[in-house]
Amino acid sequence: MVAGAYASGNRVVVKLPEKAPKSAQFIRWLIEETFVGDEVVSVDRELSLSELLDMNFDYVFSVCDHKQACFIRQKTASARTVCDFIIG
């Protein structure tokens, strides 16, 4: 998803997993080594999910549970943001 969004000329924000710190560390490193500047950025504890969604993105893709998906849809509904989810 990141590569496709980036290749289409979009800026990408990746919310890192808080419950998997080693994975988050690796993903952050991979983003920093692969992309230049602020075209692809990663955030973790510095922004909550709610604060991140307040930035009014055009598109949100999330791997999350059903509860988080409902929360994301509720937060983005007024902006008519397109959302895709992988529920797991």
C-alpha atoms as a PDB file:
ATOM      1  CA  MET A   1       0.000   0.000   0.000  1.00  0.00           C
ATOM      2  CA  VAL A   2       2.801   2.440   0.845  1.00  0.00           C
ATOM      3  CA  ALA A   3       4.599   1.948  -2.461  1.00  0.00           C
ATOM      4  CA  GLY A   4       1.389   2.344  -4.475  1.00  0.00           C
ATOM      5  CA  ALA A   5       0.351   5.500  -2.650  1.00  0.00           C
ATOM      6  CA  TYR A   6       3.833   6.960  -2.952  1.00  0.00           C
ATOM      7  CA  ALA A   7       4.130   6.054  -6.652  1.00  0.00           C
ATOM      8  CA  SER A   8       0.822   7.850  -7.273  1.00  0.00           C
ATOM      9  CA  GLY A   9       2.335  11.084  -5.966  1.00  0.00           C
ATOM     10  CA  ASN A  10       0.767  11.056  -2.509  1.00  0.00           C
ATOM     11  CA  ARG A  11       2.373  11.753   0.830  1.00  0.00           C
ATOM     12  CA  VAL A  12       2.125   8.747   3.130  1.00  0.00           C
ATOM     13  CA  VAL A  13       1.837   8.614   6.915  1.00  0.00           C
ATOM     14  CA  VAL A  14       2.400   5.238   8.537  1.00  0.00           C
ATOM     15  CA  LYS A  15       1.024   4.792  12.064  1.00  0.00           C
ATOM     16  CA  LEU A  16       3.394   2.345  13.725  1.00  0.00           C
ATOM     17  CA  PRO A  17       2.139  -0.477  15.942  1.00  0.00           C
ATOM     18  CA  GLU A  18       2.379   0.403  19.633  1.00  0.00           C
ATOM     19  CA  LYS A  19       2.026  -3.200  20.791  1.00  0.00           C
ATOM     20  CA  ALA A  20       4.930  -4.441  18.656  1.00  0.00           C
ATOM     21  CA  PRO A  21       7.898  -2.167  19.421  1.00  0.00           C
ATOM     22  CA  LYS A  22      10.495  -4.271  17.556  1.00  0.00           C
ATOM     23  CA  SER A  23       8.323  -4.263  14.415  1.00  0.00           C
ATOM     24  CA  ALA A  24       7.745  -0.524  14.788  1.00  0.00           C
ATOM     25  CA  GLN A  25      11.490   0.056  15.098  1.00  0.00           C
ATOM     26  CA  PHE A  26      12.161  -1.973  11.942  1.00  0.00           C
ATOM     27  CA  ILE A  27       9.401  -0.261   9.933  1.00  0.00           C
ATOM     28  CA  ARG A  28      10.665   3.190  11.008  1.00  0.00           C
ATOM     29  CA  TRP A  29      14.215   2.235   9.967  1.00  0.00           C
ATOM     30  CA  LEU A  30      12.974   0.862   6.623  1.00  0.00           C
ATOM     31  CA  ILE A  31      11.058   4.065   5.857  1.00  0.00           C
ATOM     32  CA  GLU A  32      14.026   6.277   6.799  1.00  0.00           C
ATOM     33  CA  GLU A  33      16.409   4.231   4.638  1.00  0.00           C
ATOM     34  CA  THR A  34      14.069   3.981   1.637  1.00  0.00           C
ATOM     35  CA  PHE A  35      12.344   7.358   1.274  1.00  0.00           C
ATOM     36  CA  VAL A  36      13.821  10.850   1.143  1.00  0.00           C
ATOM     37  CA  GLY A  37      12.395  13.858   2.974  1.00  0.00           C
ATOM     38  CA  ASP A  38       8.897  13.914   4.384  1.00  0.00           C
ATOM     39  CA  GLU A  39       7.091  12.169   1.528  1.00  0.00           C
ATOM     40  CA  VAL A  40       6.710   9.015   3.646  1.00  0.00           C
ATOM     41  CA  VAL A  41       6.762   9.493   7.406  1.00  0.00           C
ATOM     42  CA  SER A  42       6.076   7.272  10.378  1.00  0.00           C
ATOM     43  CA  VAL A  43       4.433   8.203  13.650  1.00  0.00           C
ATOM     44  CA  ASP A  44       3.884   6.219  16.803  1.00  0.00           C
ATOM     45  CA  ARG A  45       3.212   7.575  20.278  1.00  0.00           C
ATOM     46  CA  GLU A  46       3.761  11.209  19.304  1.00  0.00           C
ATOM     47  CA  LEU A  47       0.264  11.262  17.787  1.00  0.00           C
ATOM     48  CA  SER A  48      -2.778   9.342  18.898  1.00  0.00           C
ATOM     49  CA  LEU A  49      -4.997   7.748  16.281  1.00  0.00           C
ATOM     50  CA  SER A  50      -7.632  10.384  16.989  1.00  0.00           C
ATOM     51  CA  GLU A  51      -5.146  13.245  16.470  1.00  0.00           C
ATOM     52  CA  LEU A  52      -3.885  11.660  13.283  1.00  0.00           C
ATOM     53  CA  LEU A  53      -7.399  11.296  11.862  1.00  0.00           C
ATOM     54  CA  ASP A  54      -8.130  14.957  12.643  1.00  0.00           C
ATOM     55  CA  MET A  55      -5.685  15.830   9.834  1.00  0.00           C
ATOM     56  CA  ASN A  56      -8.397  15.045   7.251  1.00  0.00           C
ATOM     57  CA  PHE A  57      -6.741  12.643   4.850  1.00  0.00           C
ATOM     58  CA  ASP A  58      -8.277  11.778   1.471  1.00  0.00           C
ATOM     59  CA  TYR A  59      -7.708   8.061   2.028  1.00  0.00           C
ATOM     60  CA  VAL A  60      -7.128   5.850   5.075  1.00  0.00           C
ATOM     61  CA  PHE A  61      -5.953   2.244   4.978  1.00  0.00           C
ATOM     62  CA  SER A  62      -5.772   0.399   8.278  1.00  0.00           C
ATOM     63  CA  VAL A  63      -4.995  -3.064   9.572  1.00  0.00           C
ATOM     64  CA  CYS A  64      -7.055  -3.112  12.736  1.00  0.00           C
ATOM     65  CA  ASP A  65      -9.771  -4.781  14.742  1.00  0.00           C
ATOM     66  CA  HIS A  66     -13.494  -4.155  14.262  1.00  0.00           C
ATOM     67  CA  LYS A  67     -13.642  -1.638  17.123  1.00  0.00           C
ATOM     68  CA  GLN A  68     -10.859   0.494  15.632  1.00  0.00           C
ATOM     69  CA  ALA A  69     -12.426   0.308  12.162  1.00  0.00           C
ATOM     70  CA  CYS A  70     -15.708   1.653  13.555  1.00  0.00           C
ATOM     71  CA  PHE A  71     -13.810   4.440  15.328  1.00  0.00           C
ATOM     72  CA  ILE A  72     -11.929   5.380  12.147  1.00  0.00           C
ATOM     73  CA  ARG A  73     -15.151   5.434  10.073  1.00  0.00           C
ATOM     74  CA  GLN A  74     -16.842   7.613  12.683  1.00  0.00           C
ATOM     75  CA  LYS A  75     -13.912  10.073  12.807  1.00  0.00           C
ATOM     76  CA  THR A  76     -13.618  10.333   9.014  1.00  0.00           C
ATOM     77  CA  ALA A  77     -17.298  10.284   8.013  1.00  0.00           C
ATOM     78  CA  SER A  78     -17.832  14.048   8.023  1.00  0.00           C
ATOM     79  CA  ALA A  79     -14.886  14.559   5.626  1.00  0.00           C
ATOM     80  CA  ARG A  80     -16.152  11.714   3.400  1.00  0.00           C
ATOM     81  CA  THR A  81     -12.757  10.070   3.575  1.00  0.00           C
ATOM     82  CA  VAL A  82     -12.374   6.807   1.676  1.00  0.00           C
ATOM     83  CA  CYS A  83     -11.349   4.020   4.061  1.00  0.00           C
ATOM     84  CA  ASP A  84     -10.180   0.466   3.483  1.00  0.00           C
ATOM     85  CA  PHE A  85      -9.600  -2.016   6.270  1.00  0.00           C
ATOM     86  CA  ILE A  86      -8.045  -5.378   6.890  1.00  0.00           C
ATOM     87  CA  ILE A  87      -9.786  -6.661   9.985  1.00  0.00           C
ATOM     88  CA  GLY A  88      -7.707  -9.079  11.989  1.00  0.00           C
END
